[in-house]
Amino acid sequence: MADASIYTIEERLIDNVCVHEKQRTGEMYEEIRENFFLRFNKAAPSEANLRKLRKKTFSTAGSVLDAKCSARYKKKICR
C-alpha cells in the first residue's frame, strides 16, 4: 500500500488517538498540535487535517494508511 503522507504511521496514530479522546480529556486542538510538536519536533497537522484523519480512520476499516490509488492506463497506439 502506497503511503504518500509526510507524517509517519506513528505520528498519525498518536494524533488520531488524541483527537478521538479530545472530548474526554477536554484538550483543545491547539494543545494537541503543541503536544505533537513537543513529542515529534515537527510541525503538526492543521486542525482541519486532524479532523479529516480522524473521520477517515473511523469511517473506514480503521487504518491510518493512505488508500491505494487506482492507476490510469494509457491507451496503446497500434501502428
N, C-alpha and C. Protein backbone atom coordinates (compact mmCIF):
# COMPACT_ATOMS: atom_id res chain seq x y z
N MET A 1 0.84 -1.17 0.00
CA MET A 1 0.00 0.00 0.00
C MET A 1 0.89 1.24 0.00
N ALA A 2 0.65 2.13 -0.90
CA ALA A 2 1.44 3.35 -1.02
C ALA A 2 1.07 4.32 0.10
N ASP A 3 2.07 4.93 0.67
CA ASP A 3 1.85 5.88 1.75
C ASP A 3 2.49 7.19 1.36
N ALA A 4 1.70 8.18 0.99
CA ALA A 4 2.22 9.44 0.46
C ALA A 4 2.24 10.56 1.50
N SER A 5 1.91 10.26 2.73
CA SER A 5 1.84 11.29 3.76
C SER A 5 3.23 11.71 4.22
N ILE A 6 3.34 12.96 4.67
CA ILE A 6 4.63 13.43 5.20
C ILE A 6 4.79 13.01 6.66
N TYR A 7 3.73 12.48 7.26
CA TYR A 7 3.77 12.04 8.64
C TYR A 7 3.89 10.52 8.69
N THR A 8 4.64 10.03 9.67
CA THR A 8 4.81 8.58 9.82
C THR A 8 3.52 7.98 10.36
N ILE A 9 3.43 6.68 10.31
CA ILE A 9 2.25 5.99 10.83
C ILE A 9 2.10 6.26 12.33
N GLU A 10 3.21 6.25 13.05
CA GLU A 10 3.18 6.51 14.49
C GLU A 10 2.63 7.91 14.78
N GLU A 11 3.09 8.90 14.03
CA GLU A 11 2.63 10.28 14.23
C GLU A 11 1.14 10.41 13.97
N ARG A 12 0.68 9.78 12.90
CA ARG A 12 -0.75 9.86 12.58
C ARG A 12 -1.59 9.11 13.61
N LEU A 13 -1.08 8.00 14.10
CA LEU A 13 -1.82 7.22 15.09
C LEU A 13 -1.93 7.98 16.41
N ILE A 14 -0.83 8.56 16.87
CA ILE A 14 -0.85 9.33 18.12
C ILE A 14 -1.81 10.51 18.00
N ASP A 15 -1.72 11.23 16.90
CA ASP A 15 -2.62 12.37 16.67
C ASP A 15 -4.08 11.93 16.65
N ASN A 16 -4.33 10.82 16.00
CA ASN A 16 -5.69 10.32 15.88
C ASN A 16 -6.27 9.97 17.24
N VAL A 17 -5.49 9.33 18.08
CA VAL A 17 -5.95 8.98 19.42
C VAL A 17 -6.23 10.24 20.24
N CYS A 18 -5.34 11.22 20.14
CA CYS A 18 -5.53 12.48 20.88
C CYS A 18 -6.81 13.19 20.45
N VAL A 19 -7.05 13.24 19.16
CA VAL A 19 -8.26 13.90 18.65
C VAL A 19 -9.50 13.11 19.05
N HIS A 20 -9.41 11.79 19.01
CA HIS A 20 -10.54 10.94 19.38
C HIS A 20 -10.91 11.12 20.85
N GLU A 21 -9.91 11.27 21.70
CA GLU A 21 -10.16 11.42 23.14
C GLU A 21 -10.31 12.87 23.58
N LYS A 22 -10.38 13.77 22.61
CA LYS A 22 -10.45 15.20 22.87
C LYS A 22 -11.62 15.56 23.80
N GLN A 23 -12.78 14.99 23.59
CA GLN A 23 -13.95 15.30 24.42
C GLN A 23 -13.75 14.83 25.85
N ARG A 24 -13.15 13.67 26.02
CA ARG A 24 -12.96 13.12 27.37
C ARG A 24 -11.92 13.91 28.15
N THR A 25 -10.82 14.29 27.48
CA THR A 25 -9.72 14.97 28.16
C THR A 25 -9.92 16.48 28.24
N GLY A 26 -10.77 17.03 27.37
CA GLY A 26 -11.01 18.47 27.37
C GLY A 26 -9.92 19.28 26.68
N GLU A 27 -9.04 18.60 25.94
CA GLU A 27 -7.97 19.31 25.23
C GLU A 27 -8.54 20.09 24.04
N MET A 28 -7.89 21.19 23.75
CA MET A 28 -8.24 21.97 22.57
C MET A 28 -7.32 21.52 21.43
N TYR A 29 -7.72 21.81 20.19
CA TYR A 29 -6.89 21.41 19.05
C TYR A 29 -5.50 22.04 19.12
N GLU A 30 -5.43 23.27 19.61
CA GLU A 30 -4.13 23.93 19.71
C GLU A 30 -3.21 23.19 20.68
N GLU A 31 -3.78 22.66 21.76
CA GLU A 31 -2.98 21.88 22.72
C GLU A 31 -2.51 20.56 22.09
N ILE A 32 -3.37 19.94 21.31
CA ILE A 32 -3.00 18.70 20.63
C ILE A 32 -1.84 18.97 19.66
N ARG A 33 -1.94 20.07 18.92
CA ARG A 33 -0.89 20.42 17.96
C ARG A 33 0.42 20.76 18.68
N GLU A 34 0.32 21.44 19.81
CA GLU A 34 1.51 21.79 20.59
C GLU A 34 2.18 20.53 21.15
N ASN A 35 1.38 19.60 21.67
CA ASN A 35 1.93 18.34 22.18
C ASN A 35 2.58 17.53 21.07
N PHE A 36 1.99 17.57 19.87
CA PHE A 36 2.57 16.88 18.72
C PHE A 36 3.96 17.46 18.42
N PHE A 37 4.05 18.78 18.41
CA PHE A 37 5.33 19.42 18.13
C PHE A 37 6.37 19.06 19.19
N LEU A 38 5.98 19.09 20.45
CA LEU A 38 6.91 18.76 21.53
C LEU A 38 7.37 17.30 21.45
N ARG A 39 6.48 16.41 21.07
CA ARG A 39 6.82 14.98 21.02
C ARG A 39 7.66 14.62 19.80
N PHE A 40 7.31 15.15 18.62
CA PHE A 40 7.96 14.74 17.38
C PHE A 40 8.90 15.80 16.79
N ASN A 41 8.90 16.99 17.37
CA ASN A 41 9.77 18.07 16.90
C ASN A 41 9.59 18.36 15.41
N LYS A 42 8.34 18.42 15.00
CA LYS A 42 8.00 18.75 13.61
C LYS A 42 6.63 19.40 13.61
N ALA A 43 6.38 20.20 12.60
CA ALA A 43 5.11 20.93 12.51
C ALA A 43 3.93 19.97 12.53
N ALA A 44 2.94 20.30 13.33
CA ALA A 44 1.76 19.45 13.47
C ALA A 44 0.78 19.71 12.32
N PRO A 45 -0.07 18.73 12.02
CA PRO A 45 -1.10 18.94 11.00
C PRO A 45 -2.07 20.03 11.46
N SER A 46 -2.70 20.67 10.50
CA SER A 46 -3.68 21.71 10.84
C SER A 46 -4.90 21.07 11.50
N GLU A 47 -5.72 21.91 12.08
CA GLU A 47 -6.94 21.42 12.74
C GLU A 47 -7.84 20.69 11.74
N ALA A 48 -7.95 21.24 10.55
CA ALA A 48 -8.78 20.60 9.52
C ALA A 48 -8.24 19.23 9.14
N ASN A 49 -6.92 19.11 9.02
CA ASN A 49 -6.32 17.81 8.68
C ASN A 49 -6.47 16.81 9.82
N LEU A 50 -6.42 17.28 11.06
CA LEU A 50 -6.65 16.38 12.20
C LEU A 50 -8.07 15.82 12.15
N ARG A 51 -9.03 16.68 11.83
CA ARG A 51 -10.42 16.22 11.72
C ARG A 51 -10.59 15.23 10.57
N LYS A 52 -9.96 15.52 9.42
CA LYS A 52 -10.07 14.63 8.26
C LYS A 52 -9.48 13.26 8.57
N LEU A 53 -8.33 13.24 9.23
CA LEU A 53 -7.68 11.97 9.56
C LEU A 53 -8.55 11.15 10.50
N ARG A 54 -9.13 11.80 11.50
CA ARG A 54 -10.00 11.08 12.44
C ARG A 54 -11.22 10.52 11.72
N LYS A 55 -11.82 11.33 10.86
CA LYS A 55 -13.01 10.89 10.11
C LYS A 55 -12.66 9.72 9.20
N LYS A 56 -11.51 9.81 8.52
CA LYS A 56 -11.08 8.74 7.62
C LYS A 56 -10.83 7.44 8.37
N THR A 57 -10.20 7.55 9.52
CA THR A 57 -9.84 6.36 10.29
C THR A 57 -11.07 5.64 10.81
N PHE A 58 -12.03 6.37 11.33
CA PHE A 58 -13.18 5.73 11.96
C PHE A 58 -14.33 5.46 11.00
N SER A 59 -14.26 5.99 9.78
CA SER A 59 -15.31 5.69 8.80
C SER A 59 -14.92 4.54 7.88
N THR A 60 -13.63 4.21 7.83
CA THR A 60 -13.17 3.10 7.00
C THR A 60 -12.85 1.91 7.91
N ALA A 61 -11.93 1.10 7.50
CA ALA A 61 -11.57 -0.10 8.25
C ALA A 61 -10.68 0.19 9.45
N GLY A 62 -10.51 1.46 9.81
CA GLY A 62 -9.71 1.80 10.97
C GLY A 62 -8.23 1.90 10.68
N SER A 63 -7.86 2.21 9.46
CA SER A 63 -6.46 2.30 9.07
C SER A 63 -6.03 3.76 8.93
N VAL A 64 -4.80 4.06 9.38
CA VAL A 64 -4.26 5.40 9.20
C VAL A 64 -3.42 5.49 7.93
N LEU A 65 -3.30 4.38 7.21
CA LEU A 65 -2.55 4.38 5.95
C LEU A 65 -3.37 5.02 4.85
N ASP A 66 -2.69 5.57 3.86
CA ASP A 66 -3.38 6.12 2.70
C ASP A 66 -3.92 4.98 1.85
N ALA A 67 -5.08 5.19 1.27
CA ALA A 67 -5.69 4.18 0.41
C ALA A 67 -4.91 4.08 -0.90
N LYS A 68 -4.91 2.90 -1.48
CA LYS A 68 -4.23 2.69 -2.74
C LYS A 68 -5.01 3.40 -3.85
N CYS A 69 -4.33 4.18 -4.63
CA CYS A 69 -4.97 4.92 -5.71
C CYS A 69 -5.02 4.06 -6.96
N SER A 70 -6.09 4.22 -7.70
CA SER A 70 -6.19 3.47 -8.95
C SER A 70 -5.32 4.15 -10.00
N ALA A 71 -4.68 3.33 -10.81
CA ALA A 71 -3.79 3.86 -11.84
C ALA A 71 -4.60 4.16 -13.10
N ARG A 72 -4.18 5.17 -13.81
CA ARG A 72 -4.83 5.49 -15.07
C ARG A 72 -3.97 4.91 -16.17
N TYR A 73 -4.56 4.04 -16.95
CA TYR A 73 -3.81 3.37 -18.00
C TYR A 73 -3.83 4.18 -19.29
N LYS A 74 -2.70 4.22 -19.93
CA LYS A 74 -2.62 4.92 -21.21
C LYS A 74 -3.07 3.98 -22.32
N LYS A 75 -3.72 4.56 -23.31
CA LYS A 75 -4.15 3.75 -24.46
C LYS A 75 -2.92 3.40 -25.29
N LYS A 76 -2.90 2.14 -25.75
CA LYS A 76 -1.82 1.73 -26.62
C LYS A 76 -2.14 2.17 -28.05
N ILE A 77 -1.15 2.73 -28.67
CA ILE A 77 -1.34 3.19 -30.04
C ILE A 77 -0.72 2.14 -30.96
N CYS A 78 -1.55 1.51 -31.76
CA CYS A 78 -1.07 0.48 -32.69
C CYS A 78 -0.86 1.12 -34.06
N ARG A 79 0.27 0.89 -34.63
CA ARG A 79 0.55 1.44 -35.96
C ARG A 79 0.87 0.33 -36.90
